[in-house]
Amino acid sequence: MASKLKVDKLSYKYNGLSKVLKGVSFAIEQGEFIALIGPNGSGKSTLLKNINSILKPEQGKVYLDELDLQKFAKKEMAKRVAVVPQNTTINFDFTVEEIVLMGRAPYISRFKSESSEDYQIANEVMELTNTAQFADRRIDQLSGGERQRVILARALAQQPEVMLLDEPTSNLDINYQLEMMELLRKLNREQGLTILIVSHDLNLASQYCDKLLLLNEGKVYSFGTPQEIITVENIEDVYGSKVIIRRNYPSNRPYVTLVDNRYLSSEKRDYKVHLICGGGSGRDLIENLVELGYQVSCGVVNKKDSDWEVAKLCDIEVISEAPFGPITEEQHQANLAKIKMVDTVVLTDIPFGPGNLLNLEAALWAAKEGKEVIVIDQVGIEKKDYTAGKGSSLFRSLMEENIIMVKEKYEILEKLN
């Protein structure tokens, strides 16, 4: 059954306090995997409890297939919506099987015991969540990750159309976090289960979810794909944190790295560094400079070159040329135009052939224009010149300009800092 979950102008406040939720509206289509993100106090868990009717909205409605969830009887609600709470502590020594069978309660009449069908469904979800091996063990004998899978199995035993999870990975180590998210994605993809998950981990949410709902101060700040939501501007505005956004390979989804504020002066944020690189000679520098807060660009680099891929993952501007193709005059002029706008140009230790000789000319042009030019030269131009001497001649001309020569990449960081 197709199940569309819709939240319409929902507001909520705790007794006598200011509103925690303020006119929240959004819709989740059947089969979507959505993460609810936002800083502490933004209303994420409160919203989940309102959707599940644990709390009653002050205003607004929550609909499932256009039906008001507040009007559902508890058993009917449990057949369609399952919840995995943040706190999975169980104070009695039930076995795993007994806990999973609790998920069948909505289907069992009063004074009736579990049927063979109930046991079959419990066994199926235990197999699915890799908890069948613990069926006869007490829940207090399991690790945190194992116990979380059991609670998930209990929710699946309800055979819901929608599953709500409140930070299911918050107390798990990294292996269990990934295991849980992989399992949820499998359930979503293979069974069409609609999932709404509260998460503090922006990177897990970005990598696994179809869309992200970003809450801030009880309101929907933004709702869209990870690429639309995980941006420097959004994260800085909502979380107040300076971050770097890379693209995770091969998913191309955004990955957030916090910037160490000790290194992030206003001067550095405005300082522009342009790398003339290629063939992997600039990848470490690109990452280091971006992490330190500099505005970084590079070019001209062939598409699919390893430096080009790193530039794309770090979401910086790169002047590109066709794969394995020579630098055209058009891209050379684009490179010069970019160099005009930067503070420092770095020429990495790359070999030169007929196809990229214009990059060496660009470095020489930058020096003649009075730009600060830093040149990495570990092996000498003669060992990396494949242009019948043209590269060597240009390089010697470059050496005559007022440039900075270094042997190692780390020296560039010292010069800039």
Protein backbone atom coordinates (compact mmCIF):
# COMPACT_ATOMS: atom_id res chain seq x y z
CA MET A 1 0.00 0.00 0.00
CA ALA A 2 1.36 3.41 -0.95
CA SER A 3 1.71 5.51 2.19
CA LYS A 4 2.28 9.23 2.05
CA LEU A 5 3.13 10.93 5.34
CA LYS A 6 2.20 14.59 5.51
CA VAL A 7 2.82 17.09 8.30
CA ASP A 8 0.69 20.20 7.95
CA LYS A 9 1.42 23.43 9.88
CA LEU A 10 2.30 21.57 13.06
CA SER A 11 3.07 23.55 16.21
CA TYR A 12 3.82 22.29 19.71
CA LYS A 13 4.92 23.66 23.06
CA TYR A 14 5.54 22.03 26.42
CA ASN A 15 3.52 23.24 29.40
CA GLY A 16 3.83 26.97 29.74
CA LEU A 17 6.97 27.14 27.63
CA SER A 18 7.61 28.83 24.30
CA LYS A 19 6.86 26.88 21.17
CA VAL A 20 9.26 24.07 20.32
CA LEU A 21 7.73 23.53 16.87
CA LYS A 22 6.43 26.43 14.82
CA GLY A 23 4.24 25.69 11.81
CA VAL A 24 6.21 22.71 10.50
CA SER A 25 5.03 21.41 7.12
CA PHE A 26 6.48 18.76 4.81
CA ALA A 27 5.49 15.56 3.01
CA ILE A 28 7.25 12.22 2.61
CA GLU A 29 6.37 9.98 -0.31
CA GLN A 30 6.04 6.22 0.02
CA GLY A 31 9.41 4.48 -0.05
CA GLU A 32 11.55 7.54 0.76
CA PHE A 33 14.42 7.46 3.25
CA ILE A 34 14.50 10.82 5.03
CA ALA A 35 16.81 12.15 7.74
CA LEU A 36 15.67 14.79 10.20
CA ILE A 37 18.71 16.91 11.08
CA GLY A 38 19.40 20.10 13.00
CA PRO A 39 21.25 21.37 16.09
CA ASN A 40 20.33 20.45 19.66
CA GLY A 41 17.05 22.05 20.68
CA SER A 42 15.77 22.45 17.13
CA GLY A 43 12.79 20.15 17.81
CA LYS A 44 13.76 16.93 16.03
CA SER A 45 12.71 14.40 18.67
CA THR A 46 9.64 16.47 19.59
CA LEU A 47 8.54 16.40 15.96
CA LEU A 48 8.95 12.63 15.83
CA LYS A 49 6.80 12.24 18.96
CA ASN A 50 4.10 14.44 17.45
CA ILE A 51 4.07 12.38 14.28
CA ASN A 52 3.68 9.21 16.32
CA SER A 53 0.91 10.74 18.49
CA ILE A 54 2.95 10.35 21.69
CA LEU A 55 2.49 14.11 21.93
CA LYS A 56 -0.55 16.00 20.75
CA PRO A 57 0.11 19.02 18.50
CA GLU A 58 -1.07 22.40 19.72
CA GLN A 59 -1.94 23.20 16.12
CA GLY A 60 -1.71 21.40 12.81
CA LYS A 61 -2.22 17.84 11.67
CA VAL A 62 -0.26 14.73 10.71
CA TYR A 63 -1.75 12.65 7.92
CA LEU A 64 -1.07 9.18 6.61
CA ASP A 65 -2.72 8.71 3.22
CA GLU A 66 -4.86 11.79 3.96
CA LEU A 67 -6.11 10.24 7.24
CA ASP A 68 -5.55 12.12 10.51
CA LEU A 69 -3.13 10.04 12.59
CA GLN A 70 -4.50 11.53 15.83
CA LYS A 71 -7.77 9.74 15.14
CA PHE A 72 -6.15 6.32 14.75
CA ALA A 73 -6.71 3.78 17.53
CA LYS A 74 -3.41 2.70 19.12
CA LYS A 75 -3.48 -0.77 17.58
CA GLU A 76 -4.30 0.57 14.14
CA MET A 77 -1.50 3.12 14.47
CA ALA A 78 0.96 0.38 15.49
CA LYS A 79 0.07 -1.66 12.40
CA ARG A 80 1.04 1.19 10.11
CA VAL A 81 3.71 3.19 11.97
CA ALA A 82 6.55 1.67 14.02
CA VAL A 83 8.98 3.51 16.29
CA VAL A 84 12.56 2.78 17.30
CA PRO A 85 13.19 5.06 20.31
CA GLN A 86 16.46 6.66 21.31
CA ASN A 87 16.47 4.89 24.67
CA THR A 88 16.43 1.10 24.18
CA THR A 89 16.90 0.16 27.84
CA ILE A 90 14.74 -2.82 28.85
CA ASN A 91 14.52 -3.46 32.59
CA PHE A 92 13.32 -7.05 32.47
CA ASP A 93 15.24 -10.15 31.47
CA PHE A 94 13.17 -11.00 28.39
CA THR A 95 14.71 -13.16 25.71
CA VAL A 96 15.32 -11.70 22.26
CA GLU A 97 12.49 -13.76 20.80
CA GLU A 98 10.06 -12.55 23.46
CA ILE A 99 10.95 -8.92 22.74
CA VAL A 100 10.55 -9.35 18.99
CA LEU A 101 7.19 -11.05 19.50
CA MET A 102 6.03 -7.91 21.34
CA GLY A 103 5.91 -6.32 17.91
CA ARG A 104 3.03 -8.66 17.06
CA ALA A 105 0.85 -7.26 19.90
CA PRO A 106 -1.32 -5.11 17.56
CA TYR A 107 -2.40 -8.27 15.74
CA ILE A 108 -3.19 -10.42 18.80
CA SER A 109 -6.64 -10.30 20.34
CA ARG A 110 -7.05 -9.84 24.06
CA PHE A 111 -6.48 -13.04 26.06
CA LYS A 112 -5.02 -14.71 22.96
CA SER A 113 -1.48 -16.02 22.61
CA GLU A 114 0.87 -15.77 19.63
CA SER A 115 -0.08 -17.84 16.60
CA SER A 116 2.21 -19.82 14.34
CA GLU A 117 2.05 -16.89 11.91
CA ASP A 118 3.29 -14.54 14.62
CA TYR A 119 6.24 -16.82 15.32
CA GLN A 120 6.98 -17.12 11.61
CA ILE A 121 7.02 -13.34 11.17
CA ALA A 122 9.21 -12.93 14.27
CA ASN A 123 11.67 -15.49 12.89
CA GLU A 124 11.74 -13.74 9.52
CA VAL A 125 12.56 -10.32 10.96
CA MET A 126 15.17 -11.83 13.29
CA GLU A 127 16.85 -13.41 10.26
CA LEU A 128 16.61 -10.11 8.41
CA THR A 129 18.25 -8.19 11.26
CA ASN A 130 20.81 -10.91 12.02
CA THR A 131 19.42 -11.45 15.51
CA ALA A 132 18.10 -15.02 15.11
CA GLN A 133 21.37 -16.28 16.60
CA PHE A 134 20.44 -14.50 19.85
CA ALA A 135 16.81 -15.69 19.98
CA ASP A 136 17.15 -17.52 23.30
CA ARG A 137 19.51 -15.04 24.97
CA ARG A 138 18.39 -12.40 27.43
CA ILE A 139 18.43 -8.85 26.14
CA ASP A 140 20.75 -7.69 28.96
CA GLN A 141 23.42 -10.09 27.68
CA LEU A 142 23.75 -8.28 24.35
CA SER A 143 25.99 -5.41 23.27
CA GLY A 144 24.56 -2.01 22.38
CA GLY A 145 24.63 -2.70 18.66
CA GLU A 146 23.05 -6.14 19.05
CA ARG A 147 20.33 -4.73 21.31
CA GLN A 148 19.58 -1.98 18.80
CA ARG A 149 19.05 -4.58 16.07
CA VAL A 150 16.64 -6.45 18.34
CA ILE A 151 14.57 -3.29 18.88
CA LEU A 152 14.56 -2.77 15.12
CA ALA A 153 13.38 -6.37 14.66
CA ARG A 154 10.55 -5.74 17.15
CA ALA A 155 9.47 -2.71 15.10
CA LEU A 156 9.64 -4.71 11.85
CA ALA A 157 7.46 -7.41 13.40
CA GLN A 158 4.67 -4.82 13.39
CA GLN A 159 4.83 -4.97 9.56
CA PRO A 160 4.60 -1.18 9.36
CA GLU A 161 4.40 1.02 6.29
CA VAL A 162 6.35 3.83 7.98
CA MET A 163 9.21 3.57 10.45
CA LEU A 164 10.33 6.41 12.74
CA LEU A 165 13.77 6.16 14.36
CA ASP A 166 15.13 8.57 16.96
CA GLU A 167 18.94 8.65 16.70
CA PRO A 168 19.36 4.86 16.39
CA THR A 169 23.15 5.15 15.93
CA SER A 170 23.95 7.72 18.63
CA ASN A 171 25.40 5.29 21.18
CA LEU A 172 27.01 2.85 18.77
CA ASP A 173 30.60 2.51 17.62
CA ILE A 174 31.40 3.17 13.97
CA ASN A 175 31.02 -0.44 12.83
CA TYR A 176 27.55 -0.77 14.33
CA GLN A 177 26.58 2.67 12.98
CA LEU A 178 27.41 1.61 9.44
CA GLU A 179 25.76 -1.78 9.96
CA MET A 180 22.55 -0.12 11.14
CA MET A 181 22.44 2.35 8.25
CA GLU A 182 23.16 -0.38 5.71
CA LEU A 183 20.32 -2.45 7.13
CA LEU A 184 17.90 0.47 7.04
CA ARG A 185 18.82 1.23 3.44
CA LYS A 186 18.28 -2.43 2.54
CA LEU A 187 14.82 -2.40 4.15
CA ASN A 188 14.02 0.83 2.36
CA ARG A 189 15.19 -0.34 -1.05
CA GLU A 190 14.05 -3.95 -1.00
CA GLN A 191 10.81 -3.70 0.98
CA GLY A 192 9.75 -0.17 0.10
CA LEU A 193 9.66 0.79 3.78
CA THR A 194 9.24 4.53 4.31
CA ILE A 195 11.79 5.71 6.87
CA LEU A 196 12.15 8.94 8.84
CA ILE A 197 15.26 8.98 11.02
CA VAL A 198 16.50 11.62 13.46
CA SER A 199 20.27 11.95 13.14
CA HIS A 200 23.02 14.15 14.55
CA ASP A 201 25.55 12.68 12.13
CA LEU A 202 25.40 14.82 9.00
CA ASN A 203 27.74 12.55 7.07
CA LEU A 204 25.81 9.34 7.77
CA ALA A 205 22.58 11.11 6.86
CA SER A 206 24.11 12.50 3.68
CA GLN A 207 25.49 9.15 2.53
CA TYR A 208 22.41 7.01 3.16
CA CYS A 209 19.28 9.14 2.88
CA ASP A 210 17.31 10.33 -0.14
CA LYS A 211 16.49 13.69 1.39
CA LEU A 212 17.34 15.73 4.47
CA LEU A 213 14.91 17.85 6.48
CA LEU A 214 16.89 20.57 8.25
CA LEU A 215 15.19 22.01 11.33
CA ASN A 216 16.28 25.20 13.04
CA GLU A 217 14.59 26.79 16.05
CA GLY A 218 11.46 24.70 15.54
CA LYS A 219 11.00 25.57 11.87
CA VAL A 220 11.82 23.87 8.59
CA TYR A 221 14.95 25.65 7.43
CA SER A 222 15.32 23.59 4.25
CA PHE A 223 14.18 20.27 2.77
CA GLY A 224 15.84 18.58 -0.19
CA THR A 225 18.57 16.26 -1.40
CA PRO A 226 21.87 16.01 0.51
CA GLN A 227 23.51 18.06 -2.24
CA GLU A 228 20.94 20.81 -1.73
CA ILE A 229 21.00 20.81 2.07
CA ILE A 230 24.64 20.13 3.00
CA THR A 231 26.23 23.40 1.93
CA VAL A 232 28.75 25.65 3.65
CA GLU A 233 26.16 28.43 3.89
CA ASN A 234 23.44 26.23 5.42
CA ILE A 235 25.71 24.58 7.98
CA GLU A 236 27.34 27.84 9.06
CA ASP A 237 23.97 29.58 9.36
CA VAL A 238 22.17 26.82 11.30
CA TYR A 239 24.98 25.21 13.31
CA GLY A 240 27.27 28.24 13.58
CA SER A 241 30.25 26.08 12.55
CA LYS A 242 32.90 26.68 9.91
CA VAL A 243 33.07 23.64 7.67
CA ILE A 244 34.55 22.27 4.49
CA ILE A 245 32.24 20.38 2.13
CA ARG A 246 33.86 17.67 0.04
CA ARG A 247 32.26 15.24 -2.38
CA ASN A 248 32.47 11.65 -1.23
CA TYR A 249 33.76 9.29 -3.90
CA PRO A 250 32.08 7.49 -5.70
CA SER A 251 28.64 8.60 -4.45
CA ASN A 252 29.38 12.30 -5.09
CA ARG A 253 27.42 13.07 -1.94
CA PRO A 254 28.59 15.89 0.34
CA TYR A 255 30.87 15.11 3.26
CA VAL A 256 31.33 17.61 6.09
CA THR A 257 34.65 18.36 7.77
CA LEU A 258 34.86 20.85 10.63
CA VAL A 259 37.45 23.58 10.28
CA ASP A 260 39.77 24.19 13.24
CA ASN A 261 38.92 27.75 14.24
CA ARG A 262 42.47 28.26 15.52
CA TYR A 263 43.63 28.45 11.92
CA LEU A 264 40.65 30.27 10.45
CA SER A 265 41.50 33.95 10.55
CA SER A 266 39.47 36.40 8.46
CA GLU A 267 42.62 37.11 6.43
CA LYS A 268 42.98 33.46 5.57
CA ARG A 269 39.35 33.09 4.53
CA ASP A 270 39.89 35.89 2.02
CA TYR A 271 43.27 34.64 0.78
CA LYS A 272 43.17 33.04 -2.66
CA VAL A 273 45.64 30.35 -3.75
CA HIS A 274 45.70 28.99 -7.31
CA LEU A 275 47.45 25.68 -8.03
CA ILE A 276 48.98 24.82 -11.40
CA CYS A 277 49.15 21.07 -11.05
CA GLY A 278 48.23 17.69 -12.53
CA GLY A 279 48.89 13.98 -12.31
CA GLY A 280 48.40 13.84 -8.53
CA SER A 281 51.05 16.47 -7.80
CA GLY A 282 48.52 18.80 -6.19
CA ARG A 283 46.09 16.52 -4.38
CA ASP A 284 47.64 16.77 -0.90
CA LEU A 285 48.07 20.52 -1.22
CA ILE A 286 44.48 21.00 -2.35
CA GLU A 287 43.18 19.13 0.70
CA ASN A 288 45.57 20.83 3.14
CA LEU A 289 44.88 24.33 1.89
CA VAL A 290 41.12 23.79 1.90
CA GLU A 291 41.25 22.43 5.46
CA LEU A 292 43.25 25.46 6.56
CA GLY A 293 40.51 27.75 5.24
CA TYR A 294 42.13 29.23 2.13
CA GLN A 295 40.12 29.93 -1.02
CA VAL A 296 41.62 27.42 -3.45
CA SER A 297 41.36 26.99 -7.20
CA CYS A 298 43.38 25.10 -9.78
CA GLY A 299 43.87 24.73 -13.51
CA VAL A 300 44.27 23.82 -16.23
CA VAL A 301 43.71 20.15 -15.33
CA ASN A 302 42.40 17.35 -17.52
CA LYS A 303 39.07 15.90 -16.47
CA LYS A 304 39.41 12.59 -14.60
CA ASP A 305 43.00 13.45 -13.66
CA SER A 306 43.53 12.59 -9.98
CA ASP A 307 44.08 16.26 -9.11
CA TRP A 308 40.86 17.14 -10.95
CA GLU A 309 38.96 14.50 -8.97
CA VAL A 310 40.28 15.81 -5.64
CA ALA A 311 39.37 19.37 -6.64
CA LYS A 312 35.84 18.24 -7.42
CA LEU A 313 35.57 16.30 -4.16
CA CYS A 314 36.69 19.40 -2.27
CA ASP A 315 34.16 21.44 -4.24
CA ILE A 316 36.67 24.04 -5.40
CA GLU A 317 36.83 25.84 -8.74
CA VAL A 318 38.89 24.00 -11.35
CA ILE A 319 39.59 25.04 -14.92
CA SER A 320 39.16 21.80 -16.85
CA GLU A 321 40.30 20.41 -20.16
CA ALA A 322 39.12 17.30 -21.98
CA PRO A 323 40.58 13.99 -20.71
CA PHE A 324 44.09 13.42 -22.10
CA GLY A 325 43.67 16.43 -24.40
CA PRO A 326 46.11 19.34 -24.82
CA ILE A 327 45.35 22.67 -23.18
CA THR A 328 43.40 24.82 -25.61
CA GLU A 329 43.90 28.56 -25.97
CA GLU A 330 40.41 29.11 -24.56
CA GLN A 331 41.18 27.28 -21.31
CA HIS A 332 44.63 28.88 -21.12
CA GLN A 333 43.00 32.32 -21.22
CA ALA A 334 40.51 31.20 -18.56
CA ASN A 335 43.47 30.14 -16.43
CA LEU A 336 45.15 33.54 -16.84
CA ALA A 337 41.90 35.31 -15.97
CA LYS A 338 41.68 33.29 -12.76
CA ILE A 339 45.32 33.98 -11.89
CA LYS A 340 44.60 37.72 -12.08
CA MET A 341 42.15 37.30 -9.19
CA VAL A 342 44.33 35.33 -6.75
CA ASP A 343 47.01 36.24 -4.20
CA THR A 344 49.45 33.36 -4.71
CA VAL A 345 50.12 30.92 -7.55
CA VAL A 346 51.70 27.54 -6.77
CA LEU A 347 53.41 25.56 -9.53
CA THR A 348 53.67 21.95 -8.41
CA ASP A 349 56.41 19.52 -9.43
CA ILE A 350 54.76 18.28 -12.63
CA PRO A 351 56.39 17.03 -15.83
CA PHE A 352 55.82 19.09 -18.96
CA GLY A 353 54.94 17.86 -22.42
CA PRO A 354 53.48 19.57 -25.49
CA GLY A 355 49.97 19.17 -24.08
CA ASN A 356 50.47 21.15 -20.86
CA LEU A 357 53.27 23.55 -21.74
CA LEU A 358 50.77 26.41 -21.55
CA ASN A 359 50.57 25.81 -17.80
CA LEU A 360 54.26 26.64 -17.50
CA GLU A 361 53.66 29.75 -19.59
CA ALA A 362 50.83 30.68 -17.21
CA ALA A 363 53.19 30.46 -14.22
CA LEU A 364 55.74 32.66 -16.02
CA TRP A 365 53.00 35.14 -16.95
CA ALA A 366 51.88 35.28 -13.31
CA ALA A 367 55.41 36.07 -12.14
CA LYS A 368 55.80 38.83 -14.74
CA GLU A 369 52.45 40.27 -13.59
CA GLY A 370 53.89 40.61 -10.09
CA LYS A 371 51.93 37.76 -8.49
CA GLU A 372 53.54 35.79 -5.69
CA VAL A 373 54.60 32.53 -7.34
CA ILE A 374 55.82 29.53 -5.35
CA VAL A 375 57.52 26.78 -7.36
CA ILE A 376 58.06 23.24 -6.12
CA ASP A 377 61.16 21.74 -7.75
CA GLN A 378 62.39 18.45 -6.34
CA VAL A 379 64.05 16.81 -9.34
CA GLY A 380 65.06 19.65 -11.68
CA ILE A 381 63.42 20.69 -14.93
CA GLU A 382 65.70 18.54 -17.11
CA LYS A 383 64.19 15.35 -15.66
CA LYS A 384 60.61 16.45 -16.28
CA ASP A 385 60.90 18.22 -19.64
CA TYR A 386 59.45 16.27 -22.57
CA THR A 387 59.23 19.20 -24.98
CA ALA A 388 62.65 19.08 -26.66
CA GLY A 389 63.95 21.90 -24.48
CA LYS A 390 61.01 24.32 -24.68
CA GLY A 391 59.95 23.57 -21.12
CA SER A 392 63.48 24.00 -19.80
CA SER A 393 63.80 27.37 -21.53
CA LEU A 394 60.51 28.61 -20.03
CA PHE A 395 61.46 27.27 -16.61
CA ARG A 396 64.81 29.10 -16.66
CA SER A 397 62.96 32.30 -17.58
CA LEU A 398 60.67 31.71 -14.63
CA MET A 399 63.70 31.30 -12.34
CA GLU A 400 64.85 34.77 -13.31
CA GLU A 401 61.66 36.31 -11.93
CA ASN A 402 61.02 37.17 -8.28
CA ILE A 403 59.64 33.77 -7.25
CA ILE A 404 59.87 31.52 -4.19
CA MET A 405 61.51 28.11 -4.69
CA VAL A 406 60.78 25.16 -2.36
CA LYS A 407 61.64 21.48 -2.38
CA GLU A 408 58.74 20.06 -0.37
CA LYS A 409 54.99 20.70 -0.30
CA TYR A 410 54.93 21.35 3.43
CA GLU A 411 57.20 24.36 2.87
CA ILE A 412 54.36 26.05 0.99
CA LEU A 413 52.14 25.80 4.06
CA GLU A 414 54.89 27.36 6.14
CA LYS A 415 55.30 30.20 3.64
CA LEU A 416 51.57 30.92 3.59
CA ASN A 417 51.14 30.68 7.36
